[in-house]
Amino acid sequence: MASLDETWQPVWQQAGVVCVVVPASFGFEVELRNTQGVAFLRKAAATNEAARNEAEYLRLLLEADQLPAGAGELKPFALVVEDDIDNCEAFAEALKAVGIRVLRVNRGVEAARLAKALSPDLIIVDYRLPDISGAELCRRLRDDPDTEPVPIIAVTGAPDAMRADGCVADAILTKPCRMDTFLAASRLFLRPPRVTD
């Protein structure tokens, strides 16, 4: 993993997110970093050209500030799993402000049940939950065929502990997390809206 030094190549910057391409053990990595230079998303690519194509794809995904629902479309739906009421409210309000429906849950076991029953488009998970860890919740979601494809973003004050615990989230954001970084990651991972019959 390359550090923020002379080896990184900035590709674009948008809404408080900078995209860089860095050399990796095998090929290159495309990283999205917040304004402090902390990477919150990494994608591997075999060649520099493939990495730049991936960077452009991510830029296009971030272009829309809103996620409007057209006629017959449901707004995207996110499940926020967080036991801290203030953090939960902040994430929920930020998501609702850009057109995402939100259900708040404060326990991991309940979140796993609701994720299976409701098929959210995105799941936001904290590491420290009162019943099971966020990493354990991620594992349960990935082990269930009904919830395995749902994108998961972990937002935690203990990113290293979450990684060490085998977290299988699509992205791990570090608290305190800037809302623009949080929303950028959320927009990247949202599934396309479902169309009603």
N, C-alpha and C. Protein backbone atom coordinates (compact mmCIF):
# COMPACT_ATOMS: atom_id res chain seq x y z
N MET A 1 0.84 -1.17 0.00
CA MET A 1 0.00 0.00 0.00
C MET A 1 0.90 1.24 0.00
N ALA A 2 0.73 2.08 -0.99
CA ALA A 2 1.56 3.27 -1.11
C ALA A 2 1.05 4.37 -0.20
N SER A 3 1.95 5.20 0.29
CA SER A 3 1.55 6.33 1.12
C SER A 3 1.37 7.55 0.24
N LEU A 4 0.82 8.60 0.84
CA LEU A 4 0.58 9.83 0.11
C LEU A 4 1.90 10.56 -0.06
N ASP A 5 2.68 10.20 -1.08
CA ASP A 5 3.97 10.82 -1.32
C ASP A 5 4.15 11.00 -2.81
N GLU A 6 5.40 11.02 -3.26
CA GLU A 6 5.66 11.29 -4.67
C GLU A 6 5.20 10.17 -5.61
N THR A 7 4.82 8.99 -5.08
CA THR A 7 4.42 7.90 -5.96
C THR A 7 2.97 8.01 -6.43
N TRP A 8 2.18 8.87 -5.83
CA TRP A 8 0.77 8.92 -6.22
C TRP A 8 0.55 9.89 -7.36
N GLN A 9 -0.39 9.53 -8.22
CA GLN A 9 -0.74 10.34 -9.39
C GLN A 9 -2.19 10.79 -9.25
N PRO A 10 -2.44 12.10 -8.99
CA PRO A 10 -3.84 12.53 -8.92
C PRO A 10 -4.49 12.43 -10.30
N VAL A 11 -5.70 11.91 -10.34
CA VAL A 11 -6.41 11.76 -11.59
C VAL A 11 -7.54 12.78 -11.69
N TRP A 12 -8.32 12.93 -10.60
CA TRP A 12 -9.37 13.94 -10.55
C TRP A 12 -9.71 14.26 -9.11
N GLN A 13 -10.40 15.39 -8.91
CA GLN A 13 -10.88 15.78 -7.58
C GLN A 13 -12.29 16.32 -7.75
N GLN A 14 -13.19 15.88 -6.86
CA GLN A 14 -14.59 16.26 -6.99
C GLN A 14 -15.27 16.13 -5.64
N ALA A 15 -16.01 17.16 -5.24
CA ALA A 15 -16.84 17.13 -4.02
C ALA A 15 -16.07 16.63 -2.80
N GLY A 16 -14.85 17.11 -2.60
CA GLY A 16 -14.07 16.72 -1.43
C GLY A 16 -13.43 15.35 -1.53
N VAL A 17 -13.47 14.73 -2.70
CA VAL A 17 -12.86 13.42 -2.91
C VAL A 17 -11.79 13.56 -3.97
N VAL A 18 -10.60 13.02 -3.71
CA VAL A 18 -9.55 13.02 -4.72
C VAL A 18 -9.28 11.57 -5.13
N CYS A 19 -9.17 11.35 -6.43
CA CYS A 19 -8.88 10.02 -6.96
C CYS A 19 -7.42 9.98 -7.38
N VAL A 20 -6.71 8.96 -6.93
CA VAL A 20 -5.30 8.81 -7.28
C VAL A 20 -5.05 7.38 -7.77
N VAL A 21 -4.00 7.23 -8.56
CA VAL A 21 -3.53 5.91 -8.99
C VAL A 21 -2.16 5.71 -8.37
N VAL A 22 -1.99 4.61 -7.65
CA VAL A 22 -0.72 4.33 -6.98
C VAL A 22 -0.19 2.97 -7.40
N PRO A 23 1.13 2.83 -7.46
CA PRO A 23 1.71 1.52 -7.74
C PRO A 23 1.37 0.55 -6.60
N ALA A 24 1.14 -0.70 -6.95
CA ALA A 24 0.83 -1.72 -5.96
C ALA A 24 1.73 -2.93 -6.20
N SER A 25 1.66 -3.90 -5.33
CA SER A 25 2.48 -5.11 -5.48
C SER A 25 2.30 -5.75 -6.84
N PHE A 26 1.04 -5.85 -7.26
CA PHE A 26 0.73 -6.44 -8.57
C PHE A 26 -0.09 -5.43 -9.35
N GLY A 27 0.56 -4.58 -10.10
CA GLY A 27 -0.15 -3.60 -10.92
C GLY A 27 -0.32 -2.27 -10.22
N PHE A 28 -1.57 -1.81 -10.18
CA PHE A 28 -1.88 -0.49 -9.63
C PHE A 28 -3.13 -0.56 -8.78
N GLU A 29 -3.31 0.48 -7.94
CA GLU A 29 -4.54 0.63 -7.19
C GLU A 29 -5.12 2.00 -7.48
N VAL A 30 -6.42 2.04 -7.68
CA VAL A 30 -7.15 3.30 -7.76
C VAL A 30 -7.68 3.56 -6.36
N GLU A 31 -7.35 4.72 -5.81
CA GLU A 31 -7.81 5.05 -4.47
C GLU A 31 -8.66 6.31 -4.51
N LEU A 32 -9.74 6.30 -3.74
CA LEU A 32 -10.49 7.51 -3.47
C LEU A 32 -10.12 7.95 -2.07
N ARG A 33 -9.71 9.23 -1.95
CA ARG A 33 -9.24 9.75 -0.67
C ARG A 33 -10.05 10.97 -0.28
N ASN A 34 -10.21 11.15 1.03
CA ASN A 34 -10.88 12.36 1.49
C ASN A 34 -9.89 13.52 1.47
N THR A 35 -10.32 14.69 1.91
CA THR A 35 -9.45 15.88 1.81
C THR A 35 -8.23 15.79 2.72
N GLN A 36 -8.25 14.90 3.70
CA GLN A 36 -7.08 14.70 4.56
C GLN A 36 -6.11 13.68 3.96
N GLY A 37 -6.44 13.13 2.79
CA GLY A 37 -5.56 12.17 2.13
C GLY A 37 -5.75 10.74 2.57
N VAL A 38 -6.81 10.45 3.35
CA VAL A 38 -7.06 9.10 3.84
C VAL A 38 -7.90 8.34 2.82
N ALA A 39 -7.42 7.19 2.37
CA ALA A 39 -8.14 6.38 1.39
C ALA A 39 -9.34 5.72 2.03
N PHE A 40 -10.52 5.83 1.36
CA PHE A 40 -11.69 5.13 1.85
C PHE A 40 -12.19 4.09 0.86
N LEU A 41 -11.57 4.02 -0.32
CA LEU A 41 -11.92 3.00 -1.29
C LEU A 41 -10.68 2.67 -2.11
N ARG A 42 -10.42 1.39 -2.31
CA ARG A 42 -9.30 0.95 -3.16
C ARG A 42 -9.80 -0.09 -4.14
N LYS A 43 -9.38 0.03 -5.40
CA LYS A 43 -9.72 -0.96 -6.42
C LYS A 43 -8.44 -1.32 -7.16
N ALA A 44 -8.19 -2.60 -7.32
CA ALA A 44 -6.98 -3.07 -7.99
C ALA A 44 -7.18 -3.06 -9.50
N ALA A 45 -6.08 -2.82 -10.21
CA ALA A 45 -6.07 -2.85 -11.67
C ALA A 45 -4.73 -3.39 -12.13
N ALA A 46 -4.74 -4.17 -13.20
CA ALA A 46 -3.52 -4.82 -13.67
C ALA A 46 -2.54 -3.84 -14.31
N THR A 47 -3.06 -2.85 -15.04
CA THR A 47 -2.20 -1.91 -15.76
C THR A 47 -2.57 -0.48 -15.41
N ASN A 48 -1.68 0.44 -15.74
CA ASN A 48 -1.95 1.85 -15.51
C ASN A 48 -3.16 2.30 -16.32
N GLU A 49 -3.27 1.81 -17.54
CA GLU A 49 -4.42 2.17 -18.39
C GLU A 49 -5.72 1.66 -17.78
N ALA A 50 -5.73 0.43 -17.29
CA ALA A 50 -6.93 -0.12 -16.65
C ALA A 50 -7.28 0.67 -15.39
N ALA A 51 -6.26 1.11 -14.65
CA ALA A 51 -6.50 1.91 -13.45
C ALA A 51 -7.13 3.25 -13.81
N ARG A 52 -6.65 3.88 -14.87
CA ARG A 52 -7.22 5.17 -15.29
C ARG A 52 -8.65 5.01 -15.81
N ASN A 53 -8.93 3.89 -16.46
CA ASN A 53 -10.31 3.62 -16.88
C ASN A 53 -11.22 3.45 -15.67
N GLU A 54 -10.74 2.73 -14.67
CA GLU A 54 -11.51 2.55 -13.43
C GLU A 54 -11.73 3.89 -12.74
N ALA A 55 -10.70 4.75 -12.73
CA ALA A 55 -10.82 6.07 -12.12
C ALA A 55 -11.90 6.89 -12.83
N GLU A 56 -11.94 6.83 -14.15
CA GLU A 56 -12.95 7.57 -14.91
C GLU A 56 -14.35 7.03 -14.63
N TYR A 57 -14.46 5.72 -14.50
CA TYR A 57 -15.75 5.11 -14.17
C TYR A 57 -16.24 5.62 -12.80
N LEU A 58 -15.34 5.67 -11.82
CA LEU A 58 -15.72 6.15 -10.49
C LEU A 58 -16.11 7.63 -10.54
N ARG A 59 -15.42 8.43 -11.36
CA ARG A 59 -15.76 9.85 -11.49
C ARG A 59 -17.17 10.01 -12.03
N LEU A 60 -17.51 9.21 -13.03
CA LEU A 60 -18.85 9.29 -13.61
C LEU A 60 -19.92 8.89 -12.60
N LEU A 61 -19.62 7.91 -11.76
CA LEU A 61 -20.57 7.51 -10.73
C LEU A 61 -20.82 8.62 -9.72
N LEU A 62 -19.80 9.43 -9.47
CA LEU A 62 -19.92 10.49 -8.46
C LEU A 62 -20.54 11.77 -9.00
N GLU A 63 -20.72 11.90 -10.30
CA GLU A 63 -21.15 13.17 -10.87
C GLU A 63 -22.50 13.64 -10.35
N ALA A 64 -23.45 12.74 -10.17
CA ALA A 64 -24.78 13.16 -9.75
C ALA A 64 -24.79 13.52 -8.27
N ASP A 65 -25.27 14.73 -7.96
CA ASP A 65 -25.40 15.14 -6.56
C ASP A 65 -26.64 14.53 -5.93
N GLN A 66 -27.65 14.25 -6.73
CA GLN A 66 -28.90 13.70 -6.24
C GLN A 66 -29.12 12.33 -6.87
N LEU A 67 -29.97 11.57 -6.28
CA LEU A 67 -30.37 10.28 -6.84
C LEU A 67 -31.88 10.33 -7.05
N PRO A 68 -32.36 11.11 -8.04
CA PRO A 68 -33.80 11.27 -8.20
C PRO A 68 -34.46 10.00 -8.70
N ALA A 69 -35.66 9.80 -8.27
CA ALA A 69 -36.44 8.66 -8.75
C ALA A 69 -37.35 9.15 -9.86
N GLY A 70 -37.32 8.45 -10.97
CA GLY A 70 -38.21 8.79 -12.07
C GLY A 70 -39.57 8.17 -11.85
N ALA A 71 -40.46 8.33 -12.82
CA ALA A 71 -41.80 7.76 -12.72
C ALA A 71 -41.70 6.25 -12.59
N GLY A 72 -42.40 5.69 -11.62
CA GLY A 72 -42.42 4.24 -11.44
C GLY A 72 -41.20 3.68 -10.74
N GLU A 73 -40.26 4.53 -10.31
CA GLU A 73 -39.06 4.04 -9.64
C GLU A 73 -39.14 4.34 -8.15
N LEU A 74 -38.66 3.39 -7.36
CA LEU A 74 -38.53 3.62 -5.93
C LEU A 74 -37.21 4.32 -5.66
N LYS A 75 -37.21 5.23 -4.71
CA LYS A 75 -35.94 5.83 -4.29
C LYS A 75 -35.08 4.73 -3.68
N PRO A 76 -33.76 4.86 -3.81
CA PRO A 76 -32.88 3.86 -3.18
C PRO A 76 -33.14 3.81 -1.67
N PHE A 77 -32.86 2.65 -1.09
CA PHE A 77 -33.16 2.39 0.31
C PHE A 77 -31.90 1.91 1.03
N ALA A 78 -31.55 2.58 2.13
CA ALA A 78 -30.37 2.21 2.92
C ALA A 78 -30.78 1.79 4.32
N LEU A 79 -30.09 0.79 4.84
CA LEU A 79 -30.25 0.34 6.21
C LEU A 79 -29.03 0.86 6.98
N VAL A 80 -29.27 1.69 8.01
CA VAL A 80 -28.18 2.25 8.81
C VAL A 80 -28.15 1.52 10.15
N VAL A 81 -27.03 0.82 10.42
CA VAL A 81 -26.89 0.01 11.63
C VAL A 81 -25.87 0.71 12.53
N GLU A 82 -26.38 1.41 13.53
CA GLU A 82 -25.54 2.27 14.39
C GLU A 82 -26.24 2.43 15.72
N ASP A 83 -25.53 2.15 16.83
CA ASP A 83 -26.19 2.27 18.14
C ASP A 83 -26.04 3.65 18.76
N ASP A 84 -25.18 4.51 18.23
CA ASP A 84 -25.05 5.88 18.71
C ASP A 84 -26.13 6.73 18.04
N ILE A 85 -27.07 7.24 18.82
CA ILE A 85 -28.23 7.94 18.27
C ILE A 85 -27.82 9.15 17.43
N ASP A 86 -26.85 9.94 17.90
CA ASP A 86 -26.43 11.13 17.16
C ASP A 86 -25.82 10.78 15.81
N ASN A 87 -24.92 9.79 15.80
CA ASN A 87 -24.31 9.36 14.54
C ASN A 87 -25.36 8.79 13.60
N CYS A 88 -26.27 7.98 14.14
CA CYS A 88 -27.31 7.38 13.32
C CYS A 88 -28.17 8.45 12.66
N GLU A 89 -28.56 9.45 13.45
CA GLU A 89 -29.37 10.55 12.90
C GLU A 89 -28.61 11.33 11.84
N ALA A 90 -27.34 11.59 12.08
CA ALA A 90 -26.53 12.35 11.11
C ALA A 90 -26.44 11.61 9.78
N PHE A 91 -26.16 10.31 9.83
CA PHE A 91 -26.07 9.52 8.60
C PHE A 91 -27.42 9.47 7.89
N ALA A 92 -28.49 9.25 8.66
CA ALA A 92 -29.82 9.15 8.08
C ALA A 92 -30.23 10.45 7.41
N GLU A 93 -30.01 11.58 8.07
CA GLU A 93 -30.40 12.87 7.50
C GLU A 93 -29.58 13.20 6.25
N ALA A 94 -28.30 12.87 6.27
CA ALA A 94 -27.46 13.12 5.09
C ALA A 94 -27.95 12.30 3.90
N LEU A 95 -28.29 11.03 4.14
CA LEU A 95 -28.77 10.18 3.06
C LEU A 95 -30.12 10.66 2.54
N LYS A 96 -31.02 11.04 3.46
CA LYS A 96 -32.34 11.52 3.03
C LYS A 96 -32.22 12.80 2.22
N ALA A 97 -31.24 13.64 2.54
CA ALA A 97 -31.06 14.91 1.83
C ALA A 97 -30.70 14.70 0.36
N VAL A 98 -30.12 13.55 0.01
CA VAL A 98 -29.78 13.27 -1.39
C VAL A 98 -30.72 12.23 -2.01
N GLY A 99 -31.89 12.06 -1.40
CA GLY A 99 -32.92 11.23 -2.03
C GLY A 99 -32.87 9.76 -1.73
N ILE A 100 -32.31 9.37 -0.59
CA ILE A 100 -32.23 7.95 -0.22
C ILE A 100 -33.14 7.70 0.98
N ARG A 101 -34.02 6.70 0.87
CA ARG A 101 -34.85 6.32 2.01
C ARG A 101 -33.98 5.60 3.03
N VAL A 102 -34.30 5.75 4.31
CA VAL A 102 -33.45 5.20 5.37
C VAL A 102 -34.28 4.49 6.44
N LEU A 103 -33.78 3.35 6.89
CA LEU A 103 -34.30 2.68 8.08
C LEU A 103 -33.14 2.55 9.06
N ARG A 104 -33.36 3.00 10.30
CA ARG A 104 -32.31 2.96 11.33
C ARG A 104 -32.50 1.72 12.21
N VAL A 105 -31.38 1.06 12.53
CA VAL A 105 -31.40 -0.12 13.40
C VAL A 105 -30.20 0.00 14.33
N ASN A 106 -30.36 -0.41 15.61
CA ASN A 106 -29.24 -0.27 16.53
C ASN A 106 -28.62 -1.59 16.98
N ARG A 107 -29.10 -2.72 16.46
CA ARG A 107 -28.55 -4.03 16.83
C ARG A 107 -28.24 -4.85 15.59
N GLY A 108 -27.14 -5.59 15.62
CA GLY A 108 -26.69 -6.33 14.47
C GLY A 108 -27.59 -7.49 14.07
N VAL A 109 -28.09 -8.25 15.04
CA VAL A 109 -28.94 -9.40 14.73
C VAL A 109 -30.23 -8.92 14.06
N GLU A 110 -30.80 -7.84 14.58
CA GLU A 110 -32.01 -7.28 13.96
C GLU A 110 -31.72 -6.77 12.55
N ALA A 111 -30.55 -6.17 12.38
CA ALA A 111 -30.16 -5.66 11.05
C ALA A 111 -30.06 -6.81 10.04
N ALA A 112 -29.48 -7.94 10.44
CA ALA A 112 -29.37 -9.09 9.53
C ALA A 112 -30.75 -9.59 9.13
N ARG A 113 -31.69 -9.64 10.09
CA ARG A 113 -33.05 -10.09 9.80
C ARG A 113 -33.74 -9.12 8.84
N LEU A 114 -33.62 -7.82 9.10
CA LEU A 114 -34.26 -6.82 8.25
C LEU A 114 -33.64 -6.77 6.86
N ALA A 115 -32.33 -6.93 6.79
CA ALA A 115 -31.67 -6.92 5.48
C ALA A 115 -32.20 -8.05 4.61
N LYS A 116 -32.43 -9.21 5.21
CA LYS A 116 -32.95 -10.36 4.45
C LYS A 116 -34.40 -10.11 4.04
N ALA A 117 -35.18 -9.51 4.93
CA ALA A 117 -36.61 -9.31 4.67
C ALA A 117 -36.88 -8.15 3.71
N LEU A 118 -36.06 -7.09 3.78
CA LEU A 118 -36.37 -5.86 3.05
C LEU A 118 -35.51 -5.60 1.82
N SER A 119 -34.45 -6.33 1.63
CA SER A 119 -33.55 -6.16 0.47
C SER A 119 -33.13 -4.70 0.25
N PRO A 120 -32.38 -4.12 1.19
CA PRO A 120 -31.93 -2.74 0.99
C PRO A 120 -30.95 -2.64 -0.17
N ASP A 121 -30.78 -1.42 -0.67
CA ASP A 121 -29.83 -1.16 -1.75
C ASP A 121 -28.43 -0.90 -1.20
N LEU A 122 -28.33 -0.60 0.09
CA LEU A 122 -27.07 -0.25 0.73
C LEU A 122 -27.21 -0.48 2.23
N ILE A 123 -26.13 -0.94 2.86
CA ILE A 123 -26.12 -1.11 4.32
C ILE A 123 -24.93 -0.35 4.88
N ILE A 124 -25.20 0.50 5.88
CA ILE A 124 -24.16 1.24 6.60
C ILE A 124 -24.02 0.58 7.97
N VAL A 125 -22.79 0.20 8.36
CA VAL A 125 -22.57 -0.58 9.58
C VAL A 125 -21.50 0.08 10.45
N ASP A 126 -21.76 0.14 11.75
CA ASP A 126 -20.74 0.55 12.72
C ASP A 126 -20.04 -0.71 13.24
N TYR A 127 -18.82 -0.56 13.74
CA TYR A 127 -18.08 -1.72 14.26
C TYR A 127 -18.61 -2.15 15.62
N ARG A 128 -18.81 -1.19 16.49
CA ARG A 128 -19.24 -1.52 17.85
C ARG A 128 -20.76 -1.47 17.94
N LEU A 129 -21.36 -2.63 18.07
CA LEU A 129 -22.81 -2.75 18.24
C LEU A 129 -23.06 -3.47 19.57
N PRO A 130 -24.22 -3.31 20.17
CA PRO A 130 -24.44 -3.89 21.50
C PRO A 130 -24.51 -5.41 21.54
N ASP A 131 -24.82 -6.07 20.41
CA ASP A 131 -24.97 -7.53 20.46
C ASP A 131 -23.86 -8.27 19.73
N ILE A 132 -23.59 -7.94 18.46
CA ILE A 132 -22.50 -8.57 17.71
C ILE A 132 -21.66 -7.46 17.09
N SER A 133 -20.45 -7.79 16.70
CA SER A 133 -19.59 -6.76 16.10
C SER A 133 -20.06 -6.46 14.67
N GLY A 134 -19.69 -5.29 14.16
CA GLY A 134 -19.99 -4.94 12.78
C GLY A 134 -19.35 -5.91 11.81
N ALA A 135 -18.14 -6.38 12.14
CA ALA A 135 -17.47 -7.35 11.27
C ALA A 135 -18.25 -8.66 11.21
N GLU A 136 -18.78 -9.11 12.35
CA GLU A 136 -19.60 -10.33 12.37
C GLU A 136 -20.88 -10.14 11.57
N LEU A 137 -21.49 -8.95 11.69
CA LEU A 137 -22.69 -8.67 10.90
C LEU A 137 -22.36 -8.72 9.40
N CYS A 138 -21.25 -8.14 9.01
CA CYS A 138 -20.84 -8.19 7.60
C CYS A 138 -20.67 -9.62 7.12
N ARG A 139 -20.03 -10.46 7.95
CA ARG A 139 -19.85 -11.87 7.58
C ARG A 139 -21.20 -12.57 7.39
N ARG A 140 -22.14 -12.33 8.32
CA ARG A 140 -23.46 -12.96 8.21
C ARG A 140 -24.18 -12.51 6.94
N LEU A 141 -24.07 -11.23 6.63
CA LEU A 141 -24.72 -10.72 5.42
C LEU A 141 -24.10 -11.32 4.17
N ARG A 142 -22.78 -11.48 4.16
CA ARG A 142 -22.10 -12.06 2.99
C ARG A 142 -22.35 -13.57 2.86
N ASP A 143 -22.59 -14.24 3.98
CA ASP A 143 -22.83 -15.68 3.96
C ASP A 143 -24.25 -16.05 3.54
N ASP A 144 -25.16 -15.08 3.55
CA ASP A 144 -26.55 -15.32 3.17
C ASP A 144 -26.74 -14.96 1.70
N PRO A 145 -27.19 -15.90 0.85
CA PRO A 145 -27.35 -15.60 -0.57
C PRO A 145 -28.29 -14.43 -0.86
N ASP A 146 -29.26 -14.19 0.05
CA ASP A 146 -30.20 -13.09 -0.17
C ASP A 146 -29.57 -11.73 0.07
N THR A 147 -28.59 -11.65 0.95
CA THR A 147 -27.98 -10.36 1.29
C THR A 147 -26.55 -10.22 0.78
N GLU A 148 -25.98 -11.28 0.26
CA GLU A 148 -24.58 -11.26 -0.19
C GLU A 148 -24.27 -10.15 -1.18
N PRO A 149 -25.15 -9.85 -2.16
CA PRO A 149 -24.79 -8.81 -3.13
C PRO A 149 -24.99 -7.37 -2.65
N VAL A 150 -25.60 -7.17 -1.50
CA VAL A 150 -25.89 -5.80 -1.04
C VAL A 150 -24.58 -5.10 -0.65
N PRO A 151 -24.32 -3.90 -1.19
CA PRO A 151 -23.11 -3.18 -0.81
C PRO A 151 -23.14 -2.80 0.67
N ILE A 152 -21.98 -2.90 1.32
CA ILE A 152 -21.85 -2.58 2.74
C ILE A 152 -20.74 -1.56 2.92
N ILE A 153 -21.05 -0.48 3.65
CA ILE A 153 -20.04 0.50 4.03
C ILE A 153 -19.94 0.49 5.54
N ALA A 154 -18.75 0.24 6.07
CA ALA A 154 -18.51 0.31 7.51
C ALA A 154 -18.00 1.71 7.84
N VAL A 155 -18.61 2.33 8.85
CA VAL A 155 -18.17 3.64 9.32
C VAL A 155 -17.84 3.45 10.79
N THR A 156 -16.56 3.57 11.13
CA THR A 156 -16.12 3.18 12.47
C THR A 156 -14.96 4.01 12.97
N GLY A 157 -14.88 4.12 14.29
CA GLY A 157 -13.73 4.75 14.92
C GLY A 157 -12.58 3.78 15.09
N ALA A 158 -12.80 2.52 14.74
CA ALA A 158 -11.78 1.49 14.90
C ALA A 158 -11.58 0.73 13.59
N PRO A 159 -11.11 1.40 12.52
CA PRO A 159 -10.98 0.71 11.22
C PRO A 159 -9.98 -0.44 11.25
N ASP A 160 -8.88 -0.27 11.99
CA ASP A 160 -7.88 -1.34 12.05
C ASP A 160 -8.44 -2.58 12.75
N ALA A 161 -9.19 -2.36 13.83
CA ALA A 161 -9.81 -3.48 14.55
C ALA A 161 -10.82 -4.18 13.66
N MET A 162 -11.56 -3.40 12.90
CA MET A 162 -12.57 -4.00 12.02
C MET A 162 -11.91 -4.84 10.93
N ARG A 163 -10.82 -4.33 10.35
CA ARG A 163 -10.10 -5.10 9.34
C ARG A 163 -9.50 -6.37 9.95
N ALA A 164 -8.90 -6.22 11.15
CA ALA A 164 -8.29 -7.37 11.83
C ALA A 164 -9.34 -8.43 12.17
N ASP A 165 -10.58 -7.99 12.40
CA ASP A 165 -11.67 -8.90 12.73
C ASP A 165 -12.26 -9.56 11.48
N GLY A 166 -11.66 -9.29 10.31
CA GLY A 166 -12.10 -9.94 9.08
C GLY A 166 -13.30 -9.29 8.42
N CYS A 167 -13.43 -7.98 8.57
CA CYS A 167 -14.56 -7.27 7.97
C CYS A 167 -14.55 -7.44 6.45
N VAL A 168 -15.71 -7.75 5.87
CA VAL A 168 -15.83 -7.94 4.43
C VAL A 168 -16.71 -6.85 3.80
N ALA A 169 -16.64 -5.64 4.36
CA ALA A 169 -17.40 -4.52 3.80
C ALA A 169 -16.75 -4.07 2.49
N ASP A 170 -17.54 -3.40 1.66
CA ASP A 170 -17.01 -2.88 0.40
C ASP A 170 -16.11 -1.68 0.62
N ALA A 171 -16.36 -0.91 1.68
CA ALA A 171 -15.52 0.23 2.04
C ALA A 171 -15.56 0.39 3.54
N ILE A 172 -14.45 0.88 4.11
CA ILE A 172 -14.38 1.17 5.55
C ILE A 172 -14.00 2.64 5.69
N LEU A 173 -14.90 3.44 6.25
CA LEU A 173 -14.66 4.86 6.50
C LEU A 173 -14.34 5.04 7.98
N THR A 174 -13.46 5.98 8.26
CA THR A 174 -13.02 6.22 9.64
C THR A 174 -13.78 7.38 10.25
N LYS A 175 -14.34 7.17 11.46
CA LYS A 175 -14.96 8.25 12.22
C LYS A 175 -13.86 9.07 12.89
N PRO A 176 -14.03 10.39 13.01
CA PRO A 176 -15.13 11.16 12.44
C PRO A 176 -15.01 11.23 10.93
N CYS A 177 -16.13 11.02 10.26
CA CYS A 177 -16.15 10.95 8.81
C CYS A 177 -16.84 12.20 8.26
N ARG A 178 -16.19 12.85 7.31
CA ARG A 178 -16.82 14.01 6.67
C ARG A 178 -18.05 13.53 5.90
N MET A 179 -19.12 14.30 5.96
CA MET A 179 -20.35 13.89 5.29
C MET A 179 -20.20 13.83 3.78
N ASP A 180 -19.38 14.70 3.20
CA ASP A 180 -19.21 14.62 1.74
C ASP A 180 -18.53 13.32 1.34
N THR A 181 -17.58 12.86 2.15
CA THR A 181 -16.92 11.58 1.89
C THR A 181 -17.91 10.43 2.07
N PHE A 182 -18.71 10.49 3.13
CA PHE A 182 -19.72 9.47 3.40
C PHE A 182 -20.72 9.39 2.24
N LEU A 183 -21.20 10.53 1.77
CA LEU A 183 -22.18 10.54 0.69
C LEU A 183 -21.57 10.08 -0.62
N ALA A 184 -20.32 10.46 -0.87
CA ALA A 184 -19.65 10.02 -2.10
C ALA A 184 -19.53 8.49 -2.11
N ALA A 185 -19.13 7.91 -0.98
CA ALA A 185 -19.02 6.44 -0.90
C ALA A 185 -20.39 5.80 -1.06
N SER A 186 -21.41 6.39 -0.45
CA SER A 186 -22.77 5.84 -0.54
C SER A 186 -23.26 5.84 -1.99
N ARG A 187 -23.04 6.94 -2.70
CA ARG A 187 -23.48 7.01 -4.10
C ARG A 187 -22.72 5.99 -4.96
N LEU A 188 -21.46 5.77 -4.66
CA LEU A 188 -20.68 4.81 -5.44
C LEU A 188 -21.24 3.39 -5.37
N PHE A 189 -21.73 3.02 -4.19
CA PHE A 189 -22.11 1.63 -3.98
C PHE A 189 -23.59 1.35 -4.12
N LEU A 190 -24.41 2.37 -4.25
CA LEU A 190 -25.84 2.11 -4.36
C LEU A 190 -26.17 1.32 -5.61
N ARG A 191 -27.03 0.33 -5.45
CA ARG A 191 -27.52 -0.41 -6.61
C ARG A 191 -28.47 0.49 -7.40
N PRO A 192 -28.67 0.21 -8.69
CA PRO A 192 -29.66 0.99 -9.45
C PRO A 192 -31.04 0.86 -8.82
N PRO A 193 -31.86 1.93 -8.90
CA PRO A 193 -33.21 1.87 -8.31
C PRO A 193 -34.04 0.75 -8.91
N ARG A 194 -34.92 0.19 -8.09
CA ARG A 194 -35.82 -0.86 -8.56
C ARG A 194 -37.02 -0.23 -9.23
N VAL A 195 -37.53 -0.85 -10.26
CA VAL A 195 -38.70 -0.35 -10.97
C VAL A 195 -39.92 -1.12 -10.51
N THR A 196 -41.00 -0.38 -10.19
CA THR A 196 -42.21 -1.04 -9.73
C THR A 196 -42.98 -1.60 -10.91
N ASP A 197 -43.85 -2.58 -10.63
CA ASP A 197 -44.65 -3.19 -11.70
C ASP A 197 -45.81 -2.30 -12.09
